[in-house]
């Protein structure tokens, strides 16, 4: 990231830290590996709703397949 921005590593880290604190950007910094992860963590309720929807879709496919096999 520092190379892309043309900054030193410490300046890039400082800028990123301030953006994370201001909640402009959602990121985690792994200093040991030199990796920045920009994934936003989901709210637990959002995760459960997504999981429930995926399970519902899966059960719908299972029921449809069972119907086709038994027909």
Protein backbone atom coordinates (compact mmCIF):
# COMPACT_ATOMS: atom_id res chain seq x y z
CA UNK A 1 0.00 0.00 0.00
CA UNK A 2 2.85 2.36 0.85
CA UNK A 3 4.41 1.79 -2.60
CA UNK A 4 1.10 2.41 -4.38
CA UNK A 5 0.62 5.68 -2.50
CA UNK A 6 4.24 6.73 -2.80
CA UNK A 7 4.61 7.02 0.98
CA UNK A 8 6.91 5.53 3.57
CA UNK A 9 5.51 2.53 5.44
CA UNK A 10 5.15 4.51 8.66
CA UNK A 11 3.32 7.37 6.90
CA UNK A 12 0.96 4.95 5.14
CA UNK A 13 0.27 3.11 8.40
CA UNK A 14 -0.37 6.37 10.23
CA UNK A 15 -2.79 7.54 7.52
CA UNK A 16 -4.59 4.21 7.52
CA UNK A 17 -4.80 4.18 11.32
CA UNK A 18 -6.43 7.60 11.35
CA UNK A 19 -8.96 6.54 8.69
CA UNK A 20 -9.82 3.41 10.70
CA UNK A 21 -10.24 5.42 13.92
CA UNK A 22 -12.48 7.93 12.08
CA UNK A 23 -14.46 4.94 10.70
CA UNK A 24 -13.83 6.12 7.14
CA UNK A 25 -12.34 2.71 6.32
CA UNK A 26 -12.79 -0.72 7.89
CA UNK A 27 -9.41 -2.46 7.96
CA UNK A 28 -7.10 -4.61 10.03
CA UNK A 29 -3.32 -4.34 9.85
CA UNK A 30 -1.08 -7.38 10.27
CA UNK A 31 2.27 -5.76 10.97
CA UNK A 32 4.21 -9.04 11.08
CA UNK A 33 3.15 -10.08 7.58
CA UNK A 34 2.76 -6.52 6.26
CA UNK A 35 -0.81 -7.18 5.17
CA UNK A 36 -3.85 -4.90 5.35
CA UNK A 37 -7.27 -6.57 5.34
CA UNK A 38 -10.08 -4.26 4.17
CA UNK A 39 -12.99 -6.61 4.79
CA UNK A 40 -15.80 -5.15 6.85
CA UNK A 41 -17.00 -7.42 9.62
CA UNK A 42 -20.71 -8.05 9.54
CA UNK A 43 -23.09 -7.50 12.40
CA UNK A 44 -23.90 -10.83 14.14
CA UNK A 45 -27.62 -10.39 13.35
CA UNK A 46 -26.78 -9.82 9.69
CA UNK A 47 -24.64 -12.97 9.67
CA UNK A 48 -27.44 -15.05 11.22
CA UNK A 49 -30.01 -13.69 8.76
CA UNK A 50 -27.71 -14.51 5.84
CA UNK A 51 -27.07 -18.00 7.23
CA UNK A 52 -30.81 -18.58 7.73
CA UNK A 53 -31.53 -17.45 4.15
CA UNK A 54 -28.81 -19.77 2.78
CA UNK A 55 -30.19 -22.73 4.76
CA UNK A 56 -33.69 -21.96 3.52
CA UNK A 57 -32.46 -21.88 -0.09
CA UNK A 58 -30.61 -25.17 0.42
CA UNK A 59 -33.65 -26.88 1.91
CA UNK A 60 -35.75 -25.63 -1.00
CA UNK A 61 -33.30 -27.23 -3.45
CA UNK A 62 -33.33 -30.49 -1.46
CA UNK A 63 -37.12 -30.58 -1.49
CA UNK A 64 -37.23 -29.84 -5.23
CA UNK A 65 -34.65 -32.57 -5.93
CA UNK A 66 -36.52 -35.06 -3.76
CA UNK A 67 -39.73 -34.27 -5.62
CA UNK A 68 -38.04 -34.78 -8.99
CA UNK A 69 -36.45 -38.07 -7.89
CA UNK A 70 -39.69 -39.49 -6.50
CA UNK A 71 -41.81 -38.40 -9.49
